[in-house]
Amino acid sequence: MTRPRPTRQRTVAGLLGEAPTDLSLPDTVTVLAVDQLRPGAGQPRRSFGEAGLASLATSIREQGVLQPLLVRPVPGGHEIVAGERRWRAAQLAGLSEVPVVVRALDDRQARLAALLENLQRENLNLIDEVDAKLELAAAALGLPRSEARSRLIRLTKEEPGEDAAILEALFGPLGESWTSFTKNKLRILGWPDLVVEALRGGLALTLASVIVSAPEDHHARLIGLAQQGVSRSGLQAEVQRVEQQTRELGTAVTVARKLSSRRFLSGLKPDERRAVDQWLAKMPDVLK
């Protein structure tokens, strides 16, 4: 029996359910002790740079926490839905309490709210951003995340329809069209793990795009060059050099394989065999 497809939603509010979970509604801000909060399992951000946290902590010491955290009540306290980075920085700054907005959210709503809040208000790592937008698109289209990527790619090649309209409504508040996201960013999820981890660590997409075009066994060295400050044009030149070496090596391997094949040599015509012998006679001694 085919499992029914979940209802597709045309708006952010639809994804989160009815009020009071609608993010567009006004919020009541209160304060909670930092030790009454705990990180949420649905946190889209998977890396917290120490330098960035230290800078944010300095700002918080001077101005306080300007953007309240979004939290939900759970047994034993409250779970952070959005704002874990501010919570961490507030502790570094020595604060004992932080401003919060408390909402009763189920696990699914909490996860979606975390994705939306982070995408709209935080500078997510590129990989975390792509993961978050793909998960939101999957929820909006009523698809498993594993199917959403291929569906987005197919949609860019089809005439606009209901699904395209849903994605336009979803991506509008995120400051990027769904077509631009699909064509320019979604592809990176299929890149080799080493390049993806480098992106997660801060490697620029423009540099990663050059590196990924090279043979995979050169990626680590090229990533190292990028981290040392080599420019995009410098990386492109290095990739071209690597590709030329690869082609030359491939030619050399092919020649060696043929010359070691009795079947190949015995199948040569007399004039072809004479040409091969003449060419071999001109080889450097080091190859003989």
Protein backbone atom coordinates (compact mmCIF):
# COMPACT_ATOMS: atom_id res chain seq x y z
CA MET A 1 0.00 0.00 0.00
CA THR A 2 1.42 3.42 -0.98
CA ARG A 3 2.00 5.78 1.91
CA PRO A 4 0.02 9.03 1.47
CA ARG A 5 2.10 12.08 0.71
CA PRO A 6 2.07 14.68 3.53
CA THR A 7 0.22 17.91 2.86
CA ARG A 8 2.34 20.49 1.07
CA GLN A 9 2.47 23.97 2.58
CA ARG A 10 2.59 27.26 0.70
CA THR A 11 3.74 29.45 3.60
CA VAL A 12 6.20 29.48 6.47
CA ALA A 13 3.31 29.72 8.90
CA GLY A 14 1.77 26.66 7.31
CA LEU A 15 4.94 24.69 7.95
CA LEU A 16 4.91 25.62 11.62
CA GLY A 17 1.23 25.02 12.22
CA GLU A 18 -1.46 27.28 13.60
CA ALA A 19 -0.95 30.17 16.04
CA PRO A 20 0.77 30.61 18.44
CA THR A 21 3.59 28.88 16.55
CA ASP A 22 3.38 31.31 13.63
CA LEU A 23 6.70 33.19 13.61
CA SER A 24 5.01 36.30 12.27
CA LEU A 25 3.07 36.85 15.51
CA PRO A 26 4.35 39.31 18.14
CA ASP A 27 6.35 37.71 20.95
CA THR A 28 6.46 38.19 24.69
CA VAL A 29 10.05 38.38 25.87
CA THR A 30 11.03 37.09 29.30
CA VAL A 31 14.34 36.10 30.91
CA LEU A 32 15.67 32.73 31.99
CA ALA A 33 18.84 31.66 33.76
CA VAL A 34 21.46 30.29 31.38
CA ASP A 35 21.72 27.09 33.44
CA GLN A 36 17.99 26.45 32.89
CA LEU A 37 18.59 26.15 29.14
CA ARG A 38 20.03 23.29 27.15
CA PRO A 39 20.96 22.97 23.45
CA GLY A 40 18.28 21.61 21.15
CA ALA A 41 18.70 18.41 19.15
CA GLY A 42 17.39 20.22 16.05
CA GLN A 43 20.16 22.85 15.97
CA PRO A 44 21.02 23.48 12.29
CA ARG A 45 24.41 25.00 13.15
CA ARG A 46 27.04 22.30 13.64
CA SER A 47 30.12 24.46 14.07
CA PHE A 48 30.73 27.38 16.42
CA GLY A 49 33.96 29.22 15.63
CA GLU A 50 35.87 30.20 18.76
CA ALA A 51 36.94 33.55 17.32
CA GLY A 52 33.36 34.41 16.35
CA LEU A 53 32.03 33.40 19.77
CA ALA A 54 34.68 35.52 21.49
CA SER A 55 33.75 38.52 19.33
CA LEU A 56 30.06 38.03 20.06
CA ALA A 57 30.80 37.69 23.78
CA THR A 58 32.59 41.05 23.71
CA SER A 59 29.58 42.63 22.00
CA ILE A 60 27.23 41.09 24.56
CA ARG A 61 29.30 42.47 27.45
CA GLU A 62 28.89 45.94 25.94
CA GLN A 63 25.31 45.82 24.69
CA GLY A 64 23.68 42.71 26.13
CA VAL A 65 21.82 40.05 24.14
CA LEU A 66 19.94 42.10 21.54
CA GLN A 67 18.02 39.21 19.93
CA PRO A 68 16.05 36.95 22.34
CA LEU A 69 16.55 33.22 22.13
CA LEU A 70 13.65 31.05 20.99
CA VAL A 71 13.08 28.23 23.50
CA ARG A 72 10.47 25.60 24.27
CA PRO A 73 9.51 24.03 27.62
CA VAL A 74 10.78 20.47 28.16
CA PRO A 75 10.98 18.30 31.27
CA GLY A 76 13.61 19.74 33.59
CA GLY A 77 13.85 23.17 31.98
CA HIS A 78 13.83 24.71 28.53
CA GLU A 79 15.40 23.63 25.24
CA ILE A 80 16.96 26.15 22.85
CA VAL A 81 15.20 26.14 19.49
CA ALA A 82 17.17 29.04 17.99
CA GLY A 83 19.96 31.07 19.53
CA GLU A 84 22.46 28.52 20.85
CA ARG A 85 25.35 30.66 19.61
CA ARG A 86 24.04 33.65 21.62
CA TRP A 87 23.60 31.37 24.64
CA ARG A 88 27.20 30.16 24.42
CA ALA A 89 28.53 33.69 23.93
CA ALA A 90 26.43 34.99 26.84
CA GLN A 91 28.09 32.45 29.12
CA LEU A 92 31.52 33.53 27.87
CA ALA A 93 30.50 37.10 28.65
CA GLY A 94 29.62 36.09 32.22
CA LEU A 95 25.84 36.60 32.00
CA SER A 96 23.67 34.61 34.38
CA GLU A 97 20.43 35.07 32.42
CA VAL A 98 19.33 35.80 28.85
CA PRO A 99 16.19 37.14 27.17
CA VAL A 100 14.00 34.44 25.64
CA VAL A 101 10.75 33.85 23.81
CA VAL A 102 9.01 30.69 25.04
CA ARG A 103 6.84 28.69 22.64
CA ALA A 104 5.17 25.32 23.01
CA LEU A 105 6.51 23.45 19.96
CA ASP A 106 6.54 19.77 19.12
CA ASP A 107 9.74 18.18 17.75
CA ARG A 108 8.86 18.84 14.12
CA GLN A 109 7.84 22.44 14.73
CA ALA A 110 10.96 23.04 16.81
CA ARG A 111 13.20 21.71 14.06
CA LEU A 112 11.53 23.83 11.36
CA ALA A 113 11.48 26.94 13.56
CA ALA A 114 15.19 26.46 14.26
CA LEU A 115 15.92 26.19 10.56
CA LEU A 116 13.93 29.32 9.72
CA GLU A 117 15.26 31.42 12.58
CA ASN A 118 18.86 30.55 11.79
CA LEU A 119 18.49 31.12 8.06
CA GLN A 120 16.78 34.47 8.55
CA ARG A 121 18.85 35.84 11.39
CA GLU A 122 22.23 34.08 11.49
CA ASN A 123 25.20 33.68 9.16
CA LEU A 124 25.22 29.92 8.92
CA ASN A 125 28.16 27.96 7.63
CA LEU A 126 27.55 27.29 3.91
CA ILE A 127 27.06 23.54 4.33
CA ASP A 128 24.71 24.03 7.27
CA GLU A 129 22.80 26.60 5.19
CA VAL A 130 22.41 24.18 2.28
CA ASP A 131 21.32 21.36 4.58
CA ALA A 132 18.80 23.64 6.30
CA LYS A 133 17.26 24.96 3.08
CA LEU A 134 17.01 21.46 1.63
CA GLU A 135 15.24 20.23 4.75
CA LEU A 136 12.80 23.15 4.62
CA ALA A 137 12.12 22.48 0.94
CA ALA A 138 11.47 18.82 1.74
CA ALA A 139 8.98 19.78 4.46
CA ALA A 140 7.22 22.29 2.19
CA LEU A 141 6.88 19.77 -0.64
CA GLY A 142 5.84 16.97 1.69
CA LEU A 143 8.80 14.81 0.69
CA PRO A 144 11.45 12.88 2.60
CA ARG A 145 14.74 14.79 2.62
CA SER A 146 16.34 11.97 0.62
CA GLU A 147 13.94 12.64 -2.27
CA ALA A 148 13.85 16.44 -2.12
CA ARG A 149 17.25 17.03 -3.73
CA SER A 150 16.43 15.14 -6.93
CA ARG A 151 12.97 16.75 -7.02
CA LEU A 152 14.44 20.25 -6.88
CA ILE A 153 16.84 19.44 -9.70
CA ARG A 154 14.02 18.07 -11.85
CA LEU A 155 11.87 21.12 -11.18
CA THR A 156 14.50 23.44 -12.68
CA LYS A 157 14.00 21.58 -15.98
CA GLU A 158 10.18 21.58 -15.93
CA GLU A 159 7.53 24.20 -16.61
CA PRO A 160 6.61 26.12 -13.40
CA GLY A 161 3.78 24.45 -11.49
CA GLU A 162 2.41 24.07 -7.98
CA ASP A 163 5.67 22.84 -6.50
CA ALA A 164 7.59 25.78 -7.99
CA ALA A 165 5.04 28.19 -6.49
CA ILE A 166 5.44 26.56 -3.08
CA LEU A 167 9.22 26.92 -3.26
CA GLU A 168 9.00 30.56 -4.36
CA ALA A 169 6.84 31.35 -1.33
CA LEU A 170 9.25 29.48 0.96
CA PHE A 171 12.51 30.95 -0.35
CA GLY A 172 11.24 34.51 -0.71
CA PRO A 173 11.87 35.46 2.96
CA LEU A 174 15.27 33.74 2.83
CA GLY A 175 16.71 36.23 0.33
CA GLU A 176 17.46 33.68 -2.40
CA SER A 177 15.44 32.10 -5.18
CA TRP A 178 14.95 28.36 -5.06
CA THR A 179 16.29 28.06 -8.60
CA SER A 180 19.52 29.88 -7.70
CA PHE A 181 19.89 27.69 -4.62
CA THR A 182 19.35 24.50 -6.62
CA LYS A 183 21.72 25.42 -9.46
CA ASN A 184 24.51 27.04 -7.45
CA LYS A 185 24.55 25.51 -3.96
CA LEU A 186 22.66 22.22 -3.82
CA ARG A 187 25.27 20.51 -5.99
CA ILE A 188 27.92 20.77 -3.27
CA LEU A 189 26.21 18.06 -1.22
CA GLY A 190 27.40 15.59 -3.87
CA TRP A 191 31.04 16.72 -3.66
CA PRO A 192 33.76 14.57 -2.03
CA ASP A 193 33.73 14.62 1.78
CA LEU A 194 37.14 16.32 2.00
CA VAL A 195 35.93 19.34 0.02
CA VAL A 196 32.64 19.48 1.93
CA GLU A 197 34.49 19.50 5.26
CA ALA A 198 36.78 22.26 3.99
CA LEU A 199 33.69 24.31 3.11
CA ARG A 200 32.34 23.65 6.58
CA GLY A 201 35.63 24.95 7.94
CA GLY A 202 35.33 28.22 6.01
CA LEU A 203 36.74 27.53 2.53
CA ALA A 204 35.12 29.89 0.00
CA LEU A 205 32.71 28.32 -2.48
CA THR A 206 34.54 30.00 -5.38
CA LEU A 207 37.75 28.21 -4.39
CA ALA A 208 36.05 24.91 -3.65
CA SER A 209 34.46 24.96 -7.12
CA VAL A 210 37.93 25.09 -8.66
CA ILE A 211 39.37 22.39 -6.39
CA VAL A 212 36.55 19.93 -7.00
CA SER A 213 37.27 20.01 -10.74
CA ALA A 214 40.67 18.42 -10.16
CA PRO A 215 41.28 14.65 -9.71
CA GLU A 216 40.21 13.67 -6.21
CA ASP A 217 43.67 12.52 -5.11
CA HIS A 218 44.88 16.14 -5.47
CA HIS A 219 42.11 17.72 -3.38
CA ALA A 220 43.96 17.68 -0.06
CA ARG A 221 46.99 19.50 -1.50
CA LEU A 222 44.84 22.05 -3.32
CA ILE A 223 42.81 22.73 -0.18
CA GLY A 224 46.10 23.31 1.64
CA LEU A 225 47.16 25.83 -1.02
CA ALA A 226 43.83 27.64 -0.71
CA GLN A 227 44.19 27.80 3.06
CA GLN A 228 47.65 29.30 2.59
CA GLY A 229 46.13 32.14 0.59
CA VAL A 230 46.52 31.03 -3.03
CA SER A 231 44.03 32.93 -5.19
CA ARG A 232 41.32 31.45 -7.40
CA SER A 233 43.38 32.12 -10.53
CA GLY A 234 46.38 30.48 -8.86
CA LEU A 235 44.33 27.40 -8.06
CA GLN A 236 42.98 27.29 -11.62
CA ALA A 237 46.53 27.33 -12.98
CA GLU A 238 47.51 24.50 -10.63
CA VAL A 239 44.47 22.44 -11.61
CA GLN A 240 45.35 22.90 -15.30
CA ARG A 241 48.90 21.74 -14.59
CA VAL A 242 47.59 18.68 -12.73
CA GLU A 243 45.19 17.84 -15.56
CA GLN A 244 48.01 18.11 -18.12
CA GLN A 245 50.19 15.78 -16.03
CA THR A 246 47.29 13.36 -15.74
CA ARG A 247 46.80 13.32 -19.51
CA GLU A 248 50.52 12.81 -20.13
CA LEU A 249 50.68 10.02 -17.58
CA GLY A 250 47.64 8.38 -19.15
CA THR A 251 49.33 8.49 -22.55
CA ALA A 252 52.54 7.01 -21.15
CA VAL A 253 50.66 4.19 -19.44
CA THR A 254 48.79 3.40 -22.65
CA VAL A 255 52.03 3.29 -24.68
CA ALA A 256 53.77 1.08 -22.12
CA ARG A 257 50.82 -1.30 -22.05
CA LYS A 258 50.76 -1.64 -25.82
CA LEU A 259 54.54 -2.12 -26.15
CA SER A 260 54.42 -4.90 -23.57
CA SER A 261 51.62 -6.69 -25.43
CA ARG A 262 52.79 -9.47 -27.77
CA ARG A 263 49.36 -9.50 -29.36
CA PHE A 264 49.59 -5.80 -30.20
CA LEU A 265 53.11 -6.07 -31.63
CA SER A 266 52.38 -9.19 -33.66
CA GLY A 267 49.32 -7.49 -35.18
CA LEU A 268 51.28 -4.54 -36.56
CA LYS A 269 51.74 -4.18 -40.30
CA PRO A 270 55.38 -4.11 -41.55
CA ASP A 271 55.42 -0.32 -42.02
CA GLU A 272 53.79 0.19 -38.57
CA ARG A 273 56.40 -2.08 -36.97
CA ARG A 274 59.24 -0.17 -38.66
CA ALA A 275 57.77 3.14 -37.39
CA VAL A 276 57.58 1.76 -33.83
CA ASP A 277 61.18 0.46 -34.03
CA GLN A 278 62.41 3.82 -35.30
CA TRP A 279 60.57 5.62 -32.50
CA LEU A 280 62.00 3.24 -29.88
CA ALA A 281 65.49 3.81 -31.22
CA LYS A 282 65.15 7.54 -30.51
CA MET A 283 64.09 7.05 -26.86
CA PRO A 284 66.44 8.33 -24.13
CA ASP A 285 68.71 5.71 -22.58
CA VAL A 286 66.91 6.12 -19.26
CA LEU A 287 63.78 4.60 -20.82
CA LYS A 288 65.54 1.71 -22.50
